[in-house]
Protein backbone atom coordinates (compact mmCIF):
# COMPACT_ATOMS: atom_id res chain seq x y z
CA MET A 1 85.89 51.06 -144.40
CA THR A 2 87.12 47.50 -144.94
CA VAL A 3 84.92 44.85 -146.56
CA PRO A 4 85.23 41.04 -146.66
CA ILE A 5 87.19 39.27 -149.39
CA VAL A 6 84.81 37.43 -151.71
CA ALA A 7 86.41 34.21 -152.95
CA THR A 8 85.53 32.95 -156.42
CA ASP A 9 85.35 29.36 -157.68
CA PRO A 10 87.58 28.89 -159.52
CA ARG A 11 89.84 31.52 -158.07
CA ARG A 12 90.31 34.01 -160.86
CA VAL A 13 92.52 37.11 -161.24
CA LEU A 14 91.95 39.85 -163.81
CA LEU A 15 95.38 41.06 -164.92
CA ILE A 16 95.57 44.56 -166.42
CA ALA A 17 98.86 46.01 -167.64
CA HIS A 18 100.23 49.05 -169.43
CA THR A 19 101.35 46.99 -172.42
CA GLY A 20 102.73 50.07 -174.13
CA ARG A 21 105.72 49.72 -171.79
CA SER A 22 108.17 46.87 -172.28
CA ASP A 23 108.86 46.58 -168.55
CA ALA A 24 105.13 46.23 -167.83
CA VAL A 25 104.82 43.47 -170.44
CA GLU A 26 107.78 41.63 -168.91
CA VAL A 27 106.43 41.90 -165.36
CA ALA A 28 102.85 41.00 -166.38
CA SER A 29 104.03 37.90 -168.26
CA ALA A 30 106.03 36.67 -165.27
CA VAL A 31 103.16 37.34 -162.86
CA CYS A 32 100.64 35.61 -165.11
CA LYS A 33 102.72 32.45 -165.32
CA ARG A 34 103.32 32.46 -161.55
CA LEU A 35 99.62 32.79 -160.75
CA MET A 36 98.64 30.05 -163.16
CA GLY A 37 101.40 27.83 -161.80
CA SER A 38 99.81 28.20 -158.36
CA GLY A 39 96.43 27.00 -159.59
CA LEU A 40 94.73 30.36 -160.13
CA SER A 41 92.90 31.25 -163.32
CA VAL A 42 94.02 34.44 -165.09
CA ARG A 43 91.84 36.65 -167.27
CA LEU A 44 93.30 39.20 -169.71
CA LEU A 45 91.73 42.00 -171.70
CA ALA A 46 91.54 41.18 -175.40
CA ASP A 47 93.57 44.21 -176.48
CA GLU A 48 96.36 43.25 -174.04
CA ALA A 49 96.34 39.48 -174.55
CA ASP A 50 98.04 39.74 -177.94
CA ASP A 51 100.89 41.78 -176.45
CA LEU A 52 101.40 39.32 -173.59
CA ASN A 53 100.99 36.22 -175.80
CA ILE A 54 100.39 33.71 -172.97
CA SER A 55 98.54 30.47 -173.57
CA GLY A 56 95.97 29.02 -171.18
CA VAL A 57 94.44 32.35 -170.09
CA GLU A 58 90.87 33.59 -170.34
CA VAL A 59 90.35 36.53 -172.68
CA THR A 60 87.57 39.09 -172.33
CA GLU A 61 86.59 42.30 -174.05
CA PRO A 62 87.28 45.49 -172.06
CA GLY A 63 83.99 46.62 -170.56
CA THR A 64 82.14 47.07 -167.31
CA ASP A 65 81.67 43.29 -166.95
CA ALA A 66 85.33 42.42 -167.63
CA ALA A 67 85.96 41.85 -163.90
CA SER A 68 82.80 39.84 -163.25
CA GLY A 69 83.62 36.60 -161.44
CA CYS A 70 87.15 37.71 -160.56
CA GLU A 71 88.44 37.62 -157.00
CA ILE A 72 90.85 40.49 -157.53
CA ALA A 73 92.26 42.65 -160.32
CA LEU A 74 96.04 43.04 -160.40
CA VAL A 75 97.08 46.21 -162.19
CA ILE A 76 100.63 46.74 -163.44
CA GLY A 77 101.46 50.31 -164.41
CA GLY A 78 101.04 53.80 -162.99
CA ASP A 79 98.07 55.73 -161.60
CA GLY A 80 96.65 56.19 -165.11
CA THR A 81 96.48 52.43 -165.60
CA ILE A 82 94.88 52.02 -162.17
CA LEU A 83 92.22 54.62 -163.00
CA ARG A 84 91.51 52.76 -166.25
CA ALA A 85 91.18 49.54 -164.26
CA ALA A 86 88.81 51.19 -161.77
CA ALA A 87 86.34 51.78 -164.59
CA LEU A 88 86.40 48.04 -165.32
CA THR A 89 86.14 46.78 -161.74
CA ARG A 90 83.81 49.24 -160.00
CA SER A 91 80.42 47.89 -161.09
CA ALA A 92 81.53 44.27 -160.54
CA GLY A 93 82.65 45.05 -156.98
CA THR A 94 86.07 43.53 -157.69
CA PRO A 95 88.95 44.94 -155.60
CA LEU A 96 91.99 46.12 -157.50
CA LEU A 97 95.61 46.06 -156.42
CA GLY A 98 98.14 48.24 -158.20
CA VAL A 99 101.84 47.54 -158.76
CA ASN A 100 103.55 50.83 -159.48
CA LEU A 101 105.74 51.17 -162.55
CA GLY A 102 105.17 54.91 -162.81
CA HIS A 103 106.47 57.87 -160.83
CA VAL A 104 104.62 58.73 -157.61
CA GLY A 105 101.98 56.05 -158.10
CA PHE A 106 99.86 57.15 -155.16
CA LEU A 107 97.02 54.74 -155.94
CA ALA A 108 99.38 51.77 -156.21
CA GLU A 109 99.73 49.50 -153.21
CA ALA A 110 103.05 47.89 -154.17
CA GLU A 111 106.27 48.73 -155.97
CA TRP A 112 107.69 46.44 -158.61
CA GLU A 113 110.59 45.56 -156.28
CA ASP A 114 107.99 43.91 -153.98
CA LEU A 115 106.47 41.82 -156.75
CA ASP A 116 107.16 38.41 -155.18
CA PHE A 117 105.55 39.51 -151.91
CA THR A 118 102.55 40.90 -153.81
CA VAL A 119 101.97 37.72 -155.84
CA ASN A 120 102.34 35.55 -152.73
CA ALA A 121 99.75 37.69 -150.95
CA ILE A 122 97.27 37.23 -153.80
CA ILE A 123 97.83 33.47 -153.88
CA ALA A 124 97.31 33.24 -150.12
CA ALA A 125 94.43 35.79 -150.16
CA ASN A 126 96.45 37.67 -147.57
CA TYR A 127 95.14 41.18 -148.08
CA VAL A 128 92.35 43.43 -146.90
CA VAL A 129 89.81 45.28 -149.03
CA GLU A 130 88.71 48.84 -148.39
CA GLU A 131 86.05 51.02 -149.97
CA ARG A 132 87.05 54.30 -151.57
CA MET A 133 84.48 57.01 -152.06
CA THR A 134 83.67 58.12 -155.62
CA VAL A 135 81.65 61.01 -157.05
CA ASP A 136 78.72 60.92 -159.46
CA VAL A 137 78.55 63.75 -161.98
CA VAL A 138 75.53 65.07 -163.90
CA VAL A 139 75.74 67.63 -166.71
CA SER A 140 72.66 69.55 -167.81
CA ASN A 141 71.74 72.51 -170.00
CA ASP A 142 68.50 74.46 -169.62
CA GLY A 143 67.31 71.81 -167.18
CA VAL A 144 67.84 68.93 -169.61
CA VAL A 145 70.37 66.29 -168.53
CA SER A 146 72.92 65.69 -171.27
CA SER A 147 75.51 63.49 -169.59
CA HIS A 148 76.24 61.29 -166.58
CA GLY A 149 79.69 60.41 -165.29
CA TRP A 150 81.68 59.38 -162.25
CA ALA A 151 85.20 59.70 -160.87
CA LEU A 152 87.44 58.11 -158.26
CA ASN A 153 89.88 61.01 -157.97
CA GLU A 154 88.17 64.14 -159.20
CA ALA A 155 85.81 65.89 -161.56
CA SER A 156 87.44 69.01 -162.99
CA ILE A 157 85.74 71.82 -164.88
CA GLU A 158 88.35 73.57 -167.03
CA LYS A 159 88.52 76.39 -169.53
CA THR A 160 89.08 75.56 -173.19
CA ALA A 161 90.20 78.98 -174.46
CA ARG A 162 93.71 79.79 -173.27
CA GLN A 163 93.24 83.55 -173.69
CA ARG A 164 89.99 83.71 -171.68
CA MET A 165 88.99 82.89 -168.12
CA LEU A 166 86.14 80.53 -167.40
CA GLU A 167 83.26 82.46 -165.83
CA VAL A 168 81.37 80.30 -163.33
CA VAL A 169 78.94 80.51 -160.43
CA VAL A 170 79.51 77.99 -157.66
CA GLU A 171 76.70 76.48 -155.61
CA ILE A 172 76.77 74.25 -152.52
CA ASP A 173 73.64 72.53 -151.19
CA GLU A 174 71.36 74.48 -153.57
CA ARG A 175 72.65 77.85 -152.38
CA PRO A 176 74.91 80.16 -154.43
CA LEU A 177 78.37 80.62 -152.95
CA SER A 178 80.34 82.89 -155.28
CA ARG A 179 81.08 83.87 -158.86
CA TRP A 180 84.60 83.30 -160.15
CA GLY A 181 86.66 83.97 -163.21
CA CYS A 182 89.15 81.13 -163.17
CA ASP A 183 91.12 78.54 -165.10
CA GLY A 184 88.98 75.81 -163.60
CA ILE A 185 87.57 74.09 -160.53
CA VAL A 186 88.49 70.68 -159.15
CA ILE A 187 85.98 68.72 -157.08
CA ALA A 188 87.81 65.80 -155.49
CA THR A 189 87.32 62.85 -153.20
CA PRO A 190 89.70 62.16 -150.30
CA THR A 191 91.48 59.68 -152.60
CA GLY A 192 91.91 62.42 -155.19
CA SER A 193 93.11 65.00 -152.66
CA THR A 194 96.72 63.95 -153.39
CA ALA A 195 96.26 64.29 -157.18
CA TYR A 196 95.11 67.31 -159.26
CA ALA A 197 93.53 69.00 -156.24
CA PHE A 198 96.83 68.84 -154.36
CA SER A 199 98.74 70.45 -157.23
CA GLY A 200 96.13 73.21 -157.20
CA GLY A 201 96.83 74.02 -153.55
CA GLY A 202 94.20 71.86 -151.90
CA PRO A 203 94.68 70.05 -148.57
CA VAL A 204 95.47 66.36 -148.17
CA ILE A 205 92.47 64.48 -146.76
CA TRP A 206 93.00 61.16 -145.00
CA PRO A 207 91.21 58.32 -146.87
CA GLU A 208 89.00 57.42 -143.90
CA VAL A 209 87.61 60.97 -143.78
CA GLU A 210 84.42 61.21 -145.82
CA ALA A 211 84.24 64.61 -147.50
CA LEU A 212 84.08 66.45 -150.80
CA LEU A 213 86.85 68.88 -151.69
CA MET A 214 86.49 71.91 -153.97
CA VAL A 215 89.64 73.65 -155.22
CA PRO A 216 89.47 76.72 -157.50
CA ILE A 217 92.30 76.91 -160.04
CA SER A 218 93.81 80.39 -160.57
CA ALA A 219 90.58 82.13 -159.54
CA HIS A 220 90.43 85.92 -159.71
CA ALA A 221 88.41 86.55 -156.55
CA LEU A 222 88.92 87.48 -152.90
CA PHE A 223 87.06 84.41 -151.67
CA ALA A 224 88.52 81.55 -153.67
CA ARG A 225 90.16 79.18 -151.23
CA PRO A 226 89.89 75.38 -151.17
CA MET A 227 86.81 74.20 -149.29
CA VAL A 228 85.90 70.90 -147.67
CA ALA A 229 82.20 70.04 -147.73
CA SER A 230 80.06 67.32 -146.20
CA PRO A 231 79.93 63.97 -148.06
CA SER A 232 76.15 64.45 -148.27
CA SER A 233 76.51 67.85 -149.95
CA THR A 234 75.81 68.56 -153.62
CA LEU A 235 78.39 70.80 -155.28
CA ALA A 236 77.38 72.54 -158.49
CA VAL A 237 79.23 74.68 -161.01
CA GLU A 238 77.36 76.73 -163.62
CA VAL A 239 79.20 78.06 -166.67
CA SER A 240 77.96 81.61 -167.26
CA ALA A 241 75.45 81.76 -170.10
CA THR A 242 77.03 85.04 -171.22
CA SER A 243 80.56 83.60 -171.48
CA GLU A 244 82.28 83.98 -174.84
CA ALA A 245 83.68 80.45 -174.43
CA GLY A 246 82.57 77.35 -172.62
CA GLY A 247 84.61 74.75 -170.82
CA VAL A 248 85.18 71.03 -170.55
CA LEU A 249 84.46 68.50 -167.80
CA TRP A 250 87.09 65.85 -167.13
CA CYS A 251 86.42 62.83 -164.93
CA ASP A 252 89.71 61.44 -163.60
CA GLY A 253 91.42 63.10 -166.56
CA ARG A 254 90.14 60.27 -168.78
CA ARG A 255 86.53 60.96 -169.76
CA SER A 256 85.53 64.38 -171.05
CA VAL A 257 82.31 66.27 -171.79
CA GLU A 258 82.07 69.63 -173.54
CA LEU A 259 80.43 72.40 -171.49
CA PRO A 260 78.93 75.14 -173.66
CA PRO A 261 77.92 78.42 -172.00
CA GLY A 262 74.94 77.84 -169.72
CA SER A 263 75.98 74.33 -168.73
CA ARG A 264 75.50 73.10 -165.18
CA VAL A 265 77.62 70.41 -163.52
CA GLU A 266 76.38 68.74 -160.33
CA VAL A 267 78.71 66.58 -158.26
CA ARG A 268 77.67 64.42 -155.32
CA ARG A 269 78.88 61.36 -153.47
CA GLY A 270 78.96 58.33 -155.75
CA ALA A 271 76.45 55.54 -155.27
CA CYS A 272 79.08 52.92 -156.13
CA PRO A 273 82.52 52.96 -154.43
CA VAL A 274 85.76 51.55 -155.81
CA LEU A 275 87.35 48.68 -153.87
CA LEU A 276 91.10 48.75 -153.29
CA ALA A 277 93.10 45.80 -151.99
CA ARG A 278 95.70 46.62 -149.35
CA LEU A 279 98.72 44.56 -148.36
CA HIS A 280 100.06 46.82 -145.66
CA GLN A 281 98.29 48.35 -142.68
CA ALA A 282 100.79 51.20 -142.32
CA PRO A 283 99.40 54.60 -141.30
CA PHE A 284 98.51 56.98 -144.13
CA THR A 285 101.18 59.34 -142.79
CA ASP A 286 103.83 56.76 -143.71
CA ARG A 287 102.37 56.55 -147.20
CA LEU A 288 102.63 60.30 -147.64
CA VAL A 289 106.25 60.29 -146.49
CA ALA A 290 107.18 57.42 -148.80
CA LYS A 291 105.35 58.61 -151.91
CA PHE A 292 106.35 62.27 -151.66
CA GLU A 293 109.80 61.51 -150.21
CA LEU A 294 109.16 63.92 -147.33
CA PRO A 295 112.10 64.80 -145.03
CA VAL A 296 111.61 63.37 -141.53
CA ASP A 297 115.22 63.29 -140.34
CA GLY A 298 115.51 64.31 -136.69
CA TRP A 299 112.11 62.98 -135.65
CA ARG A 300 112.29 61.82 -132.04
CA GLY A 301 108.71 60.76 -131.46
CA GLY A 302 107.15 57.34 -131.13
CA ALA A 303 109.36 54.61 -129.65
CA ALA A 304 112.30 56.94 -129.02
CA ARG A 305 110.09 59.31 -127.04
CA ARG A 306 108.57 56.45 -125.03
CA ARG A 307 112.03 55.15 -124.13
CA GLN A 308 113.00 58.60 -122.90
CA GLU A 309 109.87 58.84 -120.79
CA GLN A 310 110.50 55.38 -119.31
CA GLN A 311 114.07 56.32 -118.49
CA ARG A 312 112.97 59.54 -116.78
CA SER A 313 110.38 57.53 -114.82
CA ARG A 314 113.04 55.06 -113.65
CA ASP A 315 115.43 57.88 -112.71
CA ALA A 316 112.72 59.52 -110.62
């Protein structure tokens, strides 16, 4: 779902970069100067400002209010950097736009070769903003809540002992589904269906489809296939109280919580979405083809097919 662009006064951009990479520092410095030269204010995170060493910028501490008052957050790096930025922009309702300097970079909207086009679009506010579903995660033990979390891509429950399987019972909508011995379970959003869940054999879900995806990882069971549940469902995973070893919960592969035997993890649709800025209105199919470099040679659909049909109509 698209949402309106909210202009700020003054117009302000939060710039987040993977400053551990020299190419990201070079690109971020050039972008920062270009934005400021066009009359926009630029805000940097304190731990990145020293690496970029640019005068005339705002500096803020990294935290959930870092994006407050910013029109957009421009993120330069790979998907890991974008996920880090999502934690800073989500509560402020600030859309983020990623420039990919990584490998696949599925969350990124632009490639570094398109940097001039991207900066021009930000200056002209020529982009659309769409909501991406998140998940909220609650961890409890013996009925006592011990942790809260959230994720844009996925919440994964994984084993910690290499030599042992993780023994779990899976529940959907307060009803038990099955018991599995497995390496882990991934519960993903449609956005995360092309990430960890995809590598585990899960299906790709189009972003506009609202659903929750559960993918068992190396499960020793007859019924252990990926499942797509309603966005209003609650998915729960209980670590067996009799297990010799517990597990660990990872949210977007960045935030972790230990899961001792007897732990319960509940995952449901997030109350607060992440906003992504989009420059291109290309179909998601085109994005899949481009990001995964899928072979489409020989395709004769679309315009070519319509021309053939028109020619046959004229010949008749």
